[in-house]
């Protein structure tokens, strides 16, 4: 065995057999051995002289140990009975409780409920966007009307020609950037709708040429002409 371990370059702890924990904890059954004959051990001699005083002290210690309450060691049946009593008091049954593991990254939803949840969130996002756009438009209109009233009442000076040109340029830039941004957002929205499966993917040029519906319409028109 030693030669085999040396050849394999293993530590001797590899061949140690681990003892299960329940053997260590539950194997406490008392074993009472009764010897019919006195057992004498070789190699030991009886001490003389001061042995009597020690024997008295030992006798007192033994009497004190006998008076102390002994810890009762329960058998396996008694342990099982105690566990059953606890289970009945707590769960009204002796059957073991099944552990249920929940994954925080998953939802117990079927495909239909998942689609409805995604649609609801998407429609809510679109509604909030429309509300913010309308609020911004109303605020700008109120501000413009207030400036006009102040100019009409003389509380505010009219802008010069250069200021009017600068404001016109800013308005034109704002409009153009808004158009480009809306086109970009519309493209992103269409891509998201296609990804979610809420809209159909646009047809390619080859699909448009080989469209069966268009071909059937042309065939029907040719039959009518014949």
Foldseek 3Di string as FASTA:
>chain_A
DVVVCVVVVHDPVVPDDDDDPCCVVQVPDDDDDDDPDDDDDPPDDDDDDPPVVVVVVVVVVVVVVVPDDDDDDDHPVVVLVVLQVVCCVPPVGSDDDDDDDDDPVDDPDDPVVVLVVVVVVVVVVVVVVVVVVVVVVVVVVVVVVVVVVCVVVVVDPDDDPVVVVVVVVVVVVVVVVVVVVVVVVVVVVVVVCCVSVVDPDDDDPVCVVVPVVVVVVVVVVVVVVD
